[in-house]
């Protein structure tokens, strides 16, 4: 997994980088096949903007969050990404289960 952090109008500190890596572990717990991750941190008019793109097999996920605090923006971003990853994982696993349930219902009729 490649994790790339880019900053615009802000210097990346070791604590911000560590915060991103620690929070991103939450996503890798749900889906271990992450290919590439890109974080972009920006400051515009006192607003801190965090955006990210995750490349998964057969899927690309993008999310963006903004707040007056950079750490809070990162946490909001990770939360959005986590929800999207869970949704993709559930769609992949439920897809075949729904088909089998349909077949069972048809057999009963």
Protein backbone atom coordinates (compact mmCIF):
# COMPACT_ATOMS: atom_id res chain seq x y z
CA UNK A 1 0.00 0.00 0.00
CA UNK A 2 1.35 3.39 -1.01
CA UNK A 3 0.39 6.33 1.17
CA UNK A 4 1.18 9.76 -0.26
CA UNK A 5 0.50 12.98 1.66
CA UNK A 6 0.59 16.30 -0.19
CA UNK A 7 0.17 19.73 1.38
CA UNK A 8 -0.78 23.08 -0.15
CA UNK A 9 -0.12 26.30 1.80
CA UNK A 10 0.82 24.30 4.89
CA UNK A 11 3.89 22.42 6.05
CA UNK A 12 3.41 18.80 7.00
CA UNK A 13 4.52 18.04 10.52
CA UNK A 14 5.44 14.60 11.84
CA UNK A 15 2.43 14.74 14.17
CA UNK A 16 -0.01 15.35 11.25
CA UNK A 17 1.55 12.51 9.27
CA UNK A 18 1.39 10.17 12.27
CA UNK A 19 -2.23 11.21 12.91
CA UNK A 20 -3.17 10.33 9.31
CA UNK A 21 -1.40 6.97 9.46
CA UNK A 22 -3.00 6.05 12.80
CA UNK A 23 -6.50 7.02 11.65
CA UNK A 24 -6.08 5.28 8.30
CA UNK A 25 -5.48 1.96 10.07
CA UNK A 26 -9.22 1.99 10.81
CA UNK A 27 -9.91 1.66 7.06
CA UNK A 28 -7.31 -1.04 6.48
CA UNK A 29 -9.02 -3.12 9.20
CA UNK A 30 -12.13 -3.27 7.01
CA UNK A 31 -10.47 -3.70 3.65
CA UNK A 32 -6.89 -4.94 3.40
CA UNK A 33 -6.59 -4.76 -0.41
CA UNK A 34 -5.86 -1.02 -0.56
CA UNK A 35 -3.60 -0.32 -3.53
CA UNK A 36 -2.86 3.40 -3.32
CA UNK A 37 -3.91 6.27 -1.04
CA UNK A 38 -3.43 9.98 -1.68
CA UNK A 39 -4.13 12.64 0.93
CA UNK A 40 -4.15 16.33 0.10
CA UNK A 41 -4.19 18.87 2.90
CA UNK A 42 -4.95 22.50 2.04
CA UNK A 43 -5.52 25.76 3.90
CA UNK A 44 -7.82 28.33 2.27
CA UNK A 45 -9.13 31.39 4.09
CA UNK A 46 -8.74 29.92 7.59
CA UNK A 47 -10.47 26.69 6.52
CA UNK A 48 -8.50 23.45 6.61
CA UNK A 49 -9.47 21.10 3.80
CA UNK A 50 -8.55 17.42 3.76
CA UNK A 51 -9.29 15.30 0.72
CA UNK A 52 -8.31 11.79 -0.21
CA UNK A 53 -8.54 9.27 -3.00
CA UNK A 54 -8.25 5.56 -2.30
CA UNK A 55 -7.61 3.07 -5.10
CA UNK A 56 -9.11 -0.33 -4.39
CA UNK A 57 -9.41 -3.27 -6.76
CA UNK A 58 -12.25 -2.30 -9.16
CA UNK A 59 -13.11 0.87 -7.18
CA UNK A 60 -11.83 4.39 -6.58
CA UNK A 61 -13.11 6.27 -3.55
CA UNK A 62 -12.89 10.04 -3.12
CA UNK A 63 -13.93 12.13 -0.13
CA UNK A 64 -13.41 15.66 1.12
CA UNK A 65 -13.88 17.34 4.50
CA UNK A 66 -13.24 20.82 5.82
CA UNK A 67 -13.11 22.37 9.27
CA UNK A 68 -11.36 25.15 11.16
CA UNK A 69 -9.08 22.52 12.74
CA UNK A 70 -6.86 20.32 10.53
CA UNK A 71 -7.00 17.33 12.88
CA UNK A 72 -10.83 17.48 12.97
CA UNK A 73 -10.93 17.73 9.15
CA UNK A 74 -8.75 14.61 8.92
CA UNK A 75 -11.01 12.73 11.35
CA UNK A 76 -14.12 13.75 9.39
CA UNK A 77 -12.44 12.63 6.16
CA UNK A 78 -11.47 9.23 7.59
CA UNK A 79 -15.03 8.77 8.84
CA UNK A 80 -16.45 9.45 5.35
CA UNK A 81 -13.92 7.12 3.72
CA UNK A 82 -14.66 4.41 6.28
CA UNK A 83 -18.39 4.56 5.51
CA UNK A 84 -17.72 4.30 1.78
CA UNK A 85 -15.33 1.35 2.20
CA UNK A 86 -17.85 -0.49 4.40
CA UNK A 87 -20.59 0.14 1.81
CA UNK A 88 -18.40 -1.28 -0.99
CA UNK A 89 -17.45 -4.29 1.14
CA UNK A 90 -21.10 -4.99 2.00
CA UNK A 91 -22.18 -4.72 -1.63
CA UNK A 92 -19.53 -7.23 -2.65
CA UNK A 93 -20.43 -9.72 0.07
CA UNK A 94 -24.24 -9.28 -0.06
CA UNK A 95 -24.40 -9.59 -3.83
CA UNK A 96 -24.19 -13.36 -3.88
CA UNK A 97 -26.29 -13.85 -0.76
CA UNK A 98 -29.21 -11.98 -2.31
CA UNK A 99 -29.11 -14.23 -5.36
CA UNK A 100 -29.23 -17.36 -3.23
CA UNK A 101 -32.15 -15.97 -1.20
CA UNK A 102 -34.04 -15.24 -4.43
CA UNK A 103 -33.48 -18.77 -5.65
CA UNK A 104 -34.69 -20.23 -2.35
CA UNK A 105 -37.85 -18.11 -2.45
CA UNK A 106 -38.53 -19.16 -6.03
CA UNK A 107 -38.07 -22.81 -5.10
CA UNK A 108 -40.62 -22.45 -2.30
CA UNK A 109 -43.25 -21.00 -4.65
